Amino acid sequence: MLAFIGYLTADAAVRVLPARLADRLAVVLARLMFALRPPARRALEANLARLLPSVSVAERRRTARAAFEQFACSLTDFLRLGRLDSSALERAIEVRGAEHLERARASGRGVIVLSAHAGNWEWGAAWLAARGARLHVVARPHPNRWVEGLFARRRQARGVALLPGRPLWPGAACALKRREWVALMGDRRGARGSVCGWAAALSRRTGAVVLPAVMLRLSRGRYAACFEPPLSADACAAGGYRAALRPHFERHPAQWFAFEPLPDGLS
């Protein structure tokens, strides 16, 4: 219940406060949380050590603190998303690798968008849906059912559907065979192992294209939708996802929100 009240309070603050002040408040709270040394901080610093092995401990710590701040600002942007119309959302997005997006769209097949917990994935989903993609997202339910309901309503309002039920395979396969899109995160481990392995198997079964993509934050309310060349199922299984997205994390490590232990790095 406290988590739900916290989200409602944050939503009200974003609604009534000037954007600069709301973001400043979010950064202050993020710094306070970082100073409390939560498990998420320890996991992030360990993941950054694998991503950036040549960087000093002090620099990784500064990067981790910046990631907490970036995450807080991305959350405030997500809360603002409900008050943006489609034209304003389109103007806020810079597209990088548009030819890869169009190649996937022109394939005439379903598309598996393999993204990561970086920048603002909720903006990415909303933007794709606004561009006409019939998009289903795979998302771990929030532990608090009221918070989960809040997120579900925000996604539905933007035309983004949550892939229902467990196991996820039947719903994902049916959507892809209808030439729709399924978005999931490759930088976590699923219940049965690598998410990338699951995506590769799904691609083999349905003929879907695997499209690596990430939405990176440029400034308040400004993002870059970054697309890499589509992957075959075999290329995805062989580590093509890591090769495609790792450079983005190396260039923008403070936007990779790797708040969980990842013993295999980018799964």
C-alpha atoms as a PDB file:
ATOM      1  CA  MET A   1       0.000   0.000   0.000  1.00  0.00           C
ATOM      2  CA  LEU A   2       2.849   2.392   0.808  1.00  0.00           C
ATOM      3  CA  ALA A   3       4.314   1.867  -2.669  1.00  0.00           C
ATOM      4  CA  PHE A   4       0.961   2.780  -4.254  1.00  0.00           C
ATOM      5  CA  ILE A   5       0.677   5.922  -2.121  1.00  0.00           C
ATOM      6  CA  GLY A   6       4.230   6.805  -3.110  1.00  0.00           C
ATOM      7  CA  TYR A   7       3.432   6.549  -6.827  1.00  0.00           C
ATOM      8  CA  LEU A   8       0.242   8.577  -6.407  1.00  0.00           C
ATOM      9  CA  THR A   9       2.177  11.245  -4.525  1.00  0.00           C
ATOM     10  CA  ALA A  10       4.853  11.336  -7.220  1.00  0.00           C
ATOM     11  CA  ASP A  11       2.190  11.568  -9.922  1.00  0.00           C
ATOM     12  CA  ALA A  12       0.533  14.496  -8.129  1.00  0.00           C
ATOM     13  CA  ALA A  13       3.886  16.247  -7.701  1.00  0.00           C
ATOM     14  CA  VAL A  14       4.721  15.866 -11.391  1.00  0.00           C
ATOM     15  CA  ARG A  15       1.271  17.173 -12.270  1.00  0.00           C
ATOM     16  CA  VAL A  16       1.393  20.357 -10.158  1.00  0.00           C
ATOM     17  CA  LEU A  17       5.086  21.272  -9.902  1.00  0.00           C
ATOM     18  CA  PRO A  18       7.145  22.933 -12.636  1.00  0.00           C
ATOM     19  CA  ALA A  19       9.043  20.245 -14.549  1.00  0.00           C
ATOM     20  CA  ARG A  20      12.462  21.482 -13.441  1.00  0.00           C
ATOM     21  CA  LEU A  21      11.461  21.470  -9.778  1.00  0.00           C
ATOM     22  CA  ALA A  22       9.856  18.018 -10.006  1.00  0.00           C
ATOM     23  CA  ASP A  23      13.004  16.585 -11.581  1.00  0.00           C
ATOM     24  CA  ARG A  24      15.188  18.261  -8.978  1.00  0.00           C
ATOM     25  CA  LEU A  25      13.117  16.731  -6.200  1.00  0.00           C
ATOM     26  CA  ALA A  26      13.358  13.325  -7.879  1.00  0.00           C
ATOM     27  CA  VAL A  27      17.165  13.609  -8.051  1.00  0.00           C
ATOM     28  CA  VAL A  28      17.378  14.540  -4.348  1.00  0.00           C
ATOM     29  CA  LEU A  29      15.317  11.505  -3.392  1.00  0.00           C
ATOM     30  CA  ALA A  30      17.431   9.287  -5.658  1.00  0.00           C
ATOM     31  CA  ARG A  31      20.630  10.510  -3.976  1.00  0.00           C
ATOM     32  CA  LEU A  32      19.128   9.798  -0.574  1.00  0.00           C
ATOM     33  CA  MET A  33      18.191   6.277  -1.645  1.00  0.00           C
ATOM     34  CA  PHE A  34      21.687   5.721  -3.050  1.00  0.00           C
ATOM     35  CA  ALA A  35      23.261   6.851   0.234  1.00  0.00           C
ATOM     36  CA  LEU A  36      21.223   4.224   2.103  1.00  0.00           C
ATOM     37  CA  ARG A  37      23.124   1.500   0.173  1.00  0.00           C
ATOM     38  CA  PRO A  38      20.164  -0.617  -0.923  1.00  0.00           C
ATOM     39  CA  PRO A  39      20.735  -4.019  -2.567  1.00  0.00           C
ATOM     40  CA  ALA A  40      20.006  -2.390  -5.937  1.00  0.00           C
ATOM     41  CA  ARG A  41      23.112  -0.236  -5.527  1.00  0.00           C
ATOM     42  CA  ARG A  42      25.346  -3.217  -4.794  1.00  0.00           C
ATOM     43  CA  ALA A  43      23.952  -5.123  -7.780  1.00  0.00           C
ATOM     44  CA  LEU A  44      24.384  -2.127 -10.092  1.00  0.00           C
ATOM     45  CA  GLU A  45      27.990  -1.522  -9.054  1.00  0.00           C
ATOM     46  CA  ALA A  46      28.800  -5.207  -9.602  1.00  0.00           C
ATOM     47  CA  ASN A  47      27.193  -5.122 -13.063  1.00  0.00           C
ATOM     48  CA  LEU A  48      29.063  -1.937 -13.952  1.00  0.00           C
ATOM     49  CA  ALA A  49      32.320  -3.619 -12.921  1.00  0.00           C
ATOM     50  CA  ARG A  50      31.680  -6.266 -15.593  1.00  0.00           C
ATOM     51  CA  LEU A  51      30.580  -3.692 -18.165  1.00  0.00           C
ATOM     52  CA  LEU A  52      33.490  -1.313 -17.502  1.00  0.00           C
ATOM     53  CA  PRO A  53      36.325  -3.416 -16.042  1.00  0.00           C
ATOM     54  CA  SER A  54      39.003  -0.768 -16.641  1.00  0.00           C
ATOM     55  CA  VAL A  55      37.138   1.991 -14.761  1.00  0.00           C
ATOM     56  CA  SER A  56      38.121   2.762 -11.168  1.00  0.00           C
ATOM     57  CA  VAL A  57      35.931   1.879  -8.205  1.00  0.00           C
ATOM     58  CA  ALA A  58      35.345   5.573  -7.485  1.00  0.00           C
ATOM     59  CA  GLU A  59      34.255   6.261 -11.056  1.00  0.00           C
ATOM     60  CA  ARG A  60      31.896   3.279 -11.052  1.00  0.00           C
ATOM     61  CA  ARG A  61      30.370   4.571  -7.834  1.00  0.00           C
ATOM     62  CA  ARG A  62      29.795   7.977  -9.419  1.00  0.00           C
ATOM     63  CA  THR A  63      28.241   6.280 -12.439  1.00  0.00           C
ATOM     64  CA  ALA A  64      25.986   4.200 -10.195  1.00  0.00           C
ATOM     65  CA  ARG A  65      24.801   7.307  -8.354  1.00  0.00           C
ATOM     66  CA  ALA A  66      24.114   9.001 -11.689  1.00  0.00           C
ATOM     67  CA  ALA A  67      22.090   5.933 -12.733  1.00  0.00           C
ATOM     68  CA  PHE A  68      19.890   6.289  -9.646  1.00  0.00           C
ATOM     69  CA  GLU A  69      19.343   9.938 -10.610  1.00  0.00           C
ATOM     70  CA  GLN A  70      18.618   9.097 -14.254  1.00  0.00           C
ATOM     71  CA  PHE A  71      16.152   6.430 -13.194  1.00  0.00           C
ATOM     72  CA  ALA A  72      14.298   8.937 -11.005  1.00  0.00           C
ATOM     73  CA  CYS A  73      14.080  11.399 -13.890  1.00  0.00           C
ATOM     74  CA  SER A  74      12.898   8.688 -16.256  1.00  0.00           C
ATOM     75  CA  LEU A  75      10.153   7.887 -13.764  1.00  0.00           C
ATOM     76  CA  THR A  76       8.979  11.500 -13.711  1.00  0.00           C
ATOM     77  CA  ASP A  77       8.968  11.466 -17.523  1.00  0.00           C
ATOM     78  CA  PHE A  78       6.892   8.275 -17.457  1.00  0.00           C
ATOM     79  CA  LEU A  79       4.361   9.972 -15.186  1.00  0.00           C
ATOM     80  CA  ARG A  80       4.212  12.905 -17.638  1.00  0.00           C
ATOM     81  CA  LEU A  81       3.616  10.528 -20.535  1.00  0.00           C
ATOM     82  CA  GLY A  82      -0.092  10.280 -19.790  1.00  0.00           C
ATOM     83  CA  ARG A  83      -0.504  13.978 -20.587  1.00  0.00           C
ATOM     84  CA  LEU A  84       1.330  13.936 -23.933  1.00  0.00           C
ATOM     85  CA  ASP A  85      -0.624  13.585 -27.153  1.00  0.00           C
ATOM     86  CA  SER A  86       0.781  11.508 -30.012  1.00  0.00           C
ATOM     87  CA  SER A  87       2.118  14.498 -31.937  1.00  0.00           C
ATOM     88  CA  ALA A  88       4.003  15.807 -28.885  1.00  0.00           C
ATOM     89  CA  LEU A  89       5.418  12.338 -28.270  1.00  0.00           C
ATOM     90  CA  GLU A  90       6.604  12.105 -31.881  1.00  0.00           C
ATOM     91  CA  ARG A  91       8.322  15.503 -31.637  1.00  0.00           C
ATOM     92  CA  ALA A  92      10.114  14.404 -28.465  1.00  0.00           C
ATOM     93  CA  ILE A  93      11.797  11.398 -30.104  1.00  0.00           C
ATOM     94  CA  GLU A  94      14.929  11.417 -32.247  1.00  0.00           C
ATOM     95  CA  VAL A  95      15.240   8.224 -34.296  1.00  0.00           C
ATOM     96  CA  ARG A  96      18.621   6.588 -34.780  1.00  0.00           C
ATOM     97  CA  GLY A  97      18.810   3.564 -37.042  1.00  0.00           C
ATOM     98  CA  ALA A  98      15.454   4.271 -38.703  1.00  0.00           C
ATOM     99  CA  GLU A  99      16.433   2.011 -41.596  1.00  0.00           C
ATOM    100  CA  HIS A 100      16.587  -0.973 -39.217  1.00  0.00           C
ATOM    101  CA  LEU A 101      13.135  -0.188 -37.855  1.00  0.00           C
ATOM    102  CA  GLU A 102      11.731   0.080 -41.377  1.00  0.00           C
ATOM    103  CA  ARG A 103      13.432  -3.146 -42.418  1.00  0.00           C
ATOM    104  CA  ALA A 104      11.721  -4.987 -39.565  1.00  0.00           C
ATOM    105  CA  ARG A 105       8.391  -3.329 -40.346  1.00  0.00           C
ATOM    106  CA  ALA A 106       8.692  -4.166 -44.056  1.00  0.00           C
ATOM    107  CA  SER A 107       9.503  -7.826 -43.399  1.00  0.00           C
ATOM    108  CA  GLY A 108       5.797  -8.678 -43.244  1.00  0.00           C
ATOM    109  CA  ARG A 109       6.472 -10.820 -40.180  1.00  0.00           C
ATOM    110  CA  GLY A 110       6.005 -10.473 -36.474  1.00  0.00           C
ATOM    111  CA  VAL A 111       8.675  -8.482 -34.640  1.00  0.00           C
ATOM    112  CA  ILE A 112      10.327  -9.261 -31.302  1.00  0.00           C
ATOM    113  CA  VAL A 113      11.667  -5.984 -29.900  1.00  0.00           C
ATOM    114  CA  LEU A 114      14.546  -7.025 -27.648  1.00  0.00           C
ATOM    115  CA  SER A 115      15.294  -4.044 -25.452  1.00  0.00           C
ATOM    116  CA  ALA A 116      16.847  -3.359 -22.042  1.00  0.00           C
ATOM    117  CA  HIS A 117      16.244  -1.602 -18.738  1.00  0.00           C
ATOM    118  CA  ALA A 118      17.856   1.588 -19.973  1.00  0.00           C
ATOM    119  CA  GLY A 119      16.713   5.133 -20.634  1.00  0.00           C
ATOM    120  CA  ASN A 120      12.931   4.871 -20.707  1.00  0.00           C
ATOM    121  CA  TRP A 121      11.432   1.676 -22.085  1.00  0.00           C
ATOM    122  CA  GLU A 122       7.888   2.863 -21.321  1.00  0.00           C
ATOM    123  CA  TRP A 123       8.357   5.811 -23.677  1.00  0.00           C
ATOM    124  CA  GLY A 124       9.729   3.400 -26.249  1.00  0.00           C
ATOM    125  CA  ALA A 125       6.655   1.178 -26.067  1.00  0.00           C
ATOM    126  CA  ALA A 126       4.273   4.138 -26.219  1.00  0.00           C
ATOM    127  CA  TRP A 127       6.110   5.599 -29.216  1.00  0.00           C
ATOM    128  CA  LEU A 128       6.040   2.328 -31.175  1.00  0.00           C
ATOM    129  CA  ALA A 129       2.331   1.909 -30.459  1.00  0.00           C
ATOM    130  CA  ALA A 130       1.674   5.489 -31.571  1.00  0.00           C
ATOM    131  CA  ARG A 131       3.411   4.638 -34.865  1.00  0.00           C
ATOM    132  CA  GLY A 132       0.964   1.843 -35.523  1.00  0.00           C
ATOM    133  CA  ALA A 133       2.638  -1.239 -34.058  1.00  0.00           C
ATOM    134  CA  ARG A 134       0.236  -3.705 -32.411  1.00  0.00           C
ATOM    135  CA  LEU A 135       2.506  -3.986 -29.405  1.00  0.00           C
ATOM    136  CA  HIS A 136       2.422  -6.483 -26.534  1.00  0.00           C
ATOM    137  CA  VAL A 137       4.954  -6.119 -23.731  1.00  0.00           C
ATOM    138  CA  VAL A 138       6.372  -8.774 -21.454  1.00  0.00           C
ATOM    139  CA  ALA A 139       6.748  -7.202 -18.021  1.00  0.00           C
ATOM    140  CA  ARG A 140       7.344  -8.622 -14.579  1.00  0.00           C
ATOM    141  CA  PRO A 141       4.318  -7.725 -12.415  1.00  0.00           C
ATOM    142  CA  HIS A 142       4.949  -5.182  -9.676  1.00  0.00           C
ATOM    143  CA  PRO A 143       4.744  -6.770  -6.204  1.00  0.00           C
ATOM    144  CA  ASN A 144       1.993  -4.308  -5.293  1.00  0.00           C
ATOM    145  CA  ARG A 145      -1.187  -5.020  -7.248  1.00  0.00           C
ATOM    146  CA  TRP A 146      -2.397  -1.405  -7.023  1.00  0.00           C
ATOM    147  CA  VAL A 147       0.880  -0.144  -8.499  1.00  0.00           C
ATOM    148  CA  GLU A 148       0.643  -2.826 -11.176  1.00  0.00           C
ATOM    149  CA  GLY A 149      -2.877  -1.636 -11.977  1.00  0.00           C
ATOM    150  CA  LEU A 150      -1.648   1.953 -12.262  1.00  0.00           C
ATOM    151  CA  PHE A 151       1.061   0.926 -14.725  1.00  0.00           C
ATOM    152  CA  ALA A 152      -1.348  -1.247 -16.704  1.00  0.00           C
ATOM    153  CA  ARG A 153      -3.818   1.634 -17.101  1.00  0.00           C
ATOM    154  CA  ARG A 154      -1.053   3.984 -18.257  1.00  0.00           C
ATOM    155  CA  ARG A 155       0.120   1.470 -20.855  1.00  0.00           C
ATOM    156  CA  GLN A 156      -3.382   0.725 -22.095  1.00  0.00           C
ATOM    157  CA  ALA A 157      -4.049   4.446 -22.525  1.00  0.00           C
ATOM    158  CA  ARG A 158      -1.098   4.568 -24.937  1.00  0.00           C
ATOM    159  CA  GLY A 159      -2.236   1.496 -26.877  1.00  0.00           C
ATOM    160  CA  VAL A 160       0.292  -0.847 -25.268  1.00  0.00           C
ATOM    161  CA  ALA A 161      -1.027  -4.276 -24.213  1.00  0.00           C
ATOM    162  CA  LEU A 162       0.482  -6.463 -21.510  1.00  0.00           C
ATOM    163  CA  LEU A 163       1.013 -10.017 -22.688  1.00  0.00           C
ATOM    164  CA  PRO A 164      -1.413 -11.976 -20.508  1.00  0.00           C
ATOM    165  CA  GLY A 165      -1.158 -15.247 -18.665  1.00  0.00           C
ATOM    166  CA  ARG A 166       1.511 -17.732 -17.728  1.00  0.00           C
ATOM    167  CA  PRO A 167       3.200 -19.376 -19.501  1.00  0.00           C
ATOM    168  CA  LEU A 168       3.879 -16.486 -21.854  1.00  0.00           C
ATOM    169  CA  TRP A 169       4.851 -18.560 -24.871  1.00  0.00           C
ATOM    170  CA  PRO A 170       1.344 -19.269 -26.297  1.00  0.00           C
ATOM    171  CA  GLY A 171       0.245 -15.635 -26.176  1.00  0.00           C
ATOM    172  CA  ALA A 172       3.529 -14.361 -27.602  1.00  0.00           C
ATOM    173  CA  ALA A 173       3.534 -16.949 -30.402  1.00  0.00           C
ATOM    174  CA  CYS A 174      -0.056 -16.176 -31.375  1.00  0.00           C
ATOM    175  CA  ALA A 175       0.623 -12.432 -31.483  1.00  0.00           C
ATOM    176  CA  LEU A 176       3.719 -12.890 -33.633  1.00  0.00           C
ATOM    177  CA  LYS A 177       1.925 -15.210 -36.036  1.00  0.00           C
ATOM    178  CA  ARG A 178      -0.651 -12.416 -36.456  1.00  0.00           C
ATOM    179  CA  ARG A 179       2.321 -10.209 -37.477  1.00  0.00           C
ATOM    180  CA  GLU A 180       2.095  -8.163 -34.304  1.00  0.00           C
ATOM    181  CA  TRP A 181       4.962  -7.014 -32.094  1.00  0.00           C
ATOM    182  CA  VAL A 182       6.197  -8.372 -28.764  1.00  0.00           C
ATOM    183  CA  ALA A 183       8.622  -6.356 -26.640  1.00  0.00           C
ATOM    184  CA  LEU A 184      10.761  -7.820 -23.866  1.00  0.00           C
ATOM    185  CA  MET A 185      13.942  -7.072 -21.952  1.00  0.00           C
ATOM    186  CA  GLY A 186      17.081  -9.025 -22.740  1.00  0.00           C
ATOM    187  CA  ASP A 187      19.168  -7.808 -19.791  1.00  0.00           C
ATOM    188  CA  ARG A 188      17.426  -9.985 -17.205  1.00  0.00           C
ATOM    189  CA  ARG A 189      17.159 -13.701 -16.712  1.00  0.00           C
ATOM    190  CA  GLY A 190      13.779 -15.319 -17.170  1.00  0.00           C
ATOM    191  CA  ALA A 191      12.288 -18.025 -15.006  1.00  0.00           C
ATOM    192  CA  ARG A 192      13.889 -20.680 -17.228  1.00  0.00           C
ATOM    193  CA  GLY A 193      17.144 -19.050 -18.193  1.00  0.00           C
ATOM    194  CA  SER A 194      18.251 -16.517 -20.778  1.00  0.00           C
ATOM    195  CA  VAL A 195      15.603 -14.188 -22.165  1.00  0.00           C
ATOM    196  CA  CYS A 196      17.644 -13.999 -25.376  1.00  0.00           C
ATOM    197  CA  GLY A 197      17.491 -17.770 -25.727  1.00  0.00           C
ATOM    198  CA  TRP A 198      13.733 -17.630 -25.243  1.00  0.00           C
ATOM    199  CA  ALA A 199      13.430 -14.888 -27.873  1.00  0.00           C
ATOM    200  CA  ALA A 200      15.573 -16.894 -30.308  1.00  0.00           C
ATOM    201  CA  ALA A 201      13.398 -19.992 -29.844  1.00  0.00           C
ATOM    202  CA  LEU A 202      10.272 -17.898 -30.322  1.00  0.00           C
ATOM    203  CA  SER A 203      11.733 -16.424 -33.509  1.00  0.00           C
ATOM    204  CA  ARG A 204      12.498 -19.894 -34.887  1.00  0.00           C
ATOM    205  CA  ARG A 205       8.993 -21.123 -34.135  1.00  0.00           C
ATOM    206  CA  THR A 206       7.107 -18.127 -35.550  1.00  0.00           C
ATOM    207  CA  GLY A 207       9.482 -16.683 -38.172  1.00  0.00           C
ATOM    208  CA  ALA A 208       9.500 -13.351 -36.297  1.00  0.00           C
ATOM    209  CA  VAL A 209      12.290 -10.806 -36.730  1.00  0.00           C
ATOM    210  CA  VAL A 210      14.361  -9.921 -33.638  1.00  0.00           C
ATOM    211  CA  LEU A 211      14.946  -6.150 -33.446  1.00  0.00           C
ATOM    212  CA  PRO A 212      17.441  -4.877 -30.819  1.00  0.00           C
ATOM    213  CA  ALA A 213      16.397  -1.424 -29.611  1.00  0.00           C
ATOM    214  CA  VAL A 214      16.794   0.951 -26.705  1.00  0.00           C
ATOM    215  CA  MET A 215      15.273   4.347 -25.829  1.00  0.00           C
ATOM    216  CA  LEU A 216      17.928   6.656 -24.344  1.00  0.00           C
ATOM    217  CA  ARG A 217      17.237   9.882 -22.483  1.00  0.00           C
ATOM    218  CA  LEU A 218      18.692  13.035 -24.031  1.00  0.00           C
ATOM    219  CA  SER A 219      17.193  15.584 -21.639  1.00  0.00           C
ATOM    220  CA  ARG A 220      13.925  16.173 -19.833  1.00  0.00           C
ATOM    221  CA  GLY A 221      11.193  14.922 -22.141  1.00  0.00           C
ATOM    222  CA  ARG A 222      13.625  14.211 -24.997  1.00  0.00           C
ATOM    223  CA  TYR A 223      14.712  10.723 -26.062  1.00  0.00           C
ATOM    224  CA  ALA A 224      16.584   8.901 -28.804  1.00  0.00           C
ATOM    225  CA  ALA A 225      15.012   5.707 -30.165  1.00  0.00           C
ATOM    226  CA  CYS A 226      18.056   3.630 -31.144  1.00  0.00           C
ATOM    227  CA  PHE A 227      17.587   0.609 -33.430  1.00  0.00           C
ATOM    228  CA  GLU A 228      20.197  -1.937 -34.464  1.00  0.00           C
ATOM    229  CA  PRO A 229      20.055  -4.294 -37.472  1.00  0.00           C
ATOM    230  CA  PRO A 230      17.455  -7.069 -37.118  1.00  0.00           C
ATOM    231  CA  LEU A 231      18.794 -10.429 -35.972  1.00  0.00           C
ATOM    232  CA  SER A 232      18.013 -13.920 -37.150  1.00  0.00           C
ATOM    233  CA  ALA A 233      17.125 -16.480 -34.509  1.00  0.00           C
ATOM    234  CA  ASP A 234      20.590 -18.039 -34.766  1.00  0.00           C
ATOM    235  CA  ALA A 235      22.339 -14.668 -34.470  1.00  0.00           C
ATOM    236  CA  CYS A 236      20.234 -13.796 -31.427  1.00  0.00           C
ATOM    237  CA  ALA A 237      21.050 -17.105 -29.750  1.00  0.00           C
ATOM    238  CA  ALA A 238      24.753 -16.639 -30.510  1.00  0.00           C
ATOM    239  CA  GLY A 239      24.968 -13.327 -28.635  1.00  0.00           C
ATOM    240  CA  GLY A 240      23.929 -10.832 -31.278  1.00  0.00           C
ATOM    241  CA  TYR A 241      21.831  -8.937 -28.738  1.00  0.00           C
ATOM    242  CA  ARG A 242      24.848  -8.317 -26.509  1.00  0.00           C
ATOM    243  CA  ALA A 243      26.962  -7.202 -29.454  1.00  0.00           C
ATOM    244  CA  ALA A 244      24.215  -4.827 -30.616  1.00  0.00           C
ATOM    245  CA  LEU A 245      23.337  -3.118 -27.334  1.00  0.00           C
ATOM    246  CA  ARG A 246      26.496  -3.299 -25.247  1.00  0.00           C
ATOM    247  CA  PRO A 247      28.058  -0.278 -27.053  1.00  0.00           C
ATOM    248  CA  HIS A 248      25.057   1.834 -25.989  1.00  0.00           C
ATOM    249  CA  PHE A 249      25.634   0.879 -22.358  1.00  0.00           C
ATOM    250  CA  GLU A 250      29.366   1.546 -22.629  1.00  0.00           C
ATOM    251  CA  ARG A 251      28.673   5.029 -24.015  1.00  0.00           C
ATOM    252  CA  HIS A 252      25.818   5.756 -21.579  1.00  0.00           C
ATOM    253  CA  PRO A 253      26.485   3.586 -18.486  1.00  0.00           C
ATOM    254  CA  ALA A 254      24.460   5.880 -16.222  1.00  0.00           C
ATOM    255  CA  GLN A 255      21.351   4.983 -18.230  1.00  0.00           C
ATOM    256  CA  TRP A 256      21.636   1.236 -17.693  1.00  0.00           C
ATOM    257  CA  PHE A 257      19.420   0.415 -14.711  1.00  0.00           C
ATOM    258  CA  ALA A 258      20.926  -2.981 -13.890  1.00  0.00           C
ATOM    259  CA  PHE A 259      19.544  -3.079 -10.361  1.00  0.00           C
ATOM    260  CA  GLU A 260      19.527  -6.889 -10.107  1.00  0.00           C
ATOM    261  CA  PRO A 261      22.402  -9.382  -9.937  1.00  0.00           C
ATOM    262  CA  LEU A 262      23.380 -10.455 -13.439  1.00  0.00           C
ATOM    263  CA  PRO A 263      26.096 -13.084 -13.072  1.00  0.00           C
ATOM    264  CA  ASP A 264      26.218 -13.570 -16.845  1.00  0.00           C
ATOM    265  CA  GLY A 265      26.377  -9.865 -17.617  1.00  0.00           C
ATOM    266  CA  LEU A 266      23.965  -9.061 -20.424  1.00  0.00           C
ATOM    267  CA  SER A 267      21.959 -12.273 -20.625  1.00  0.00           C
END
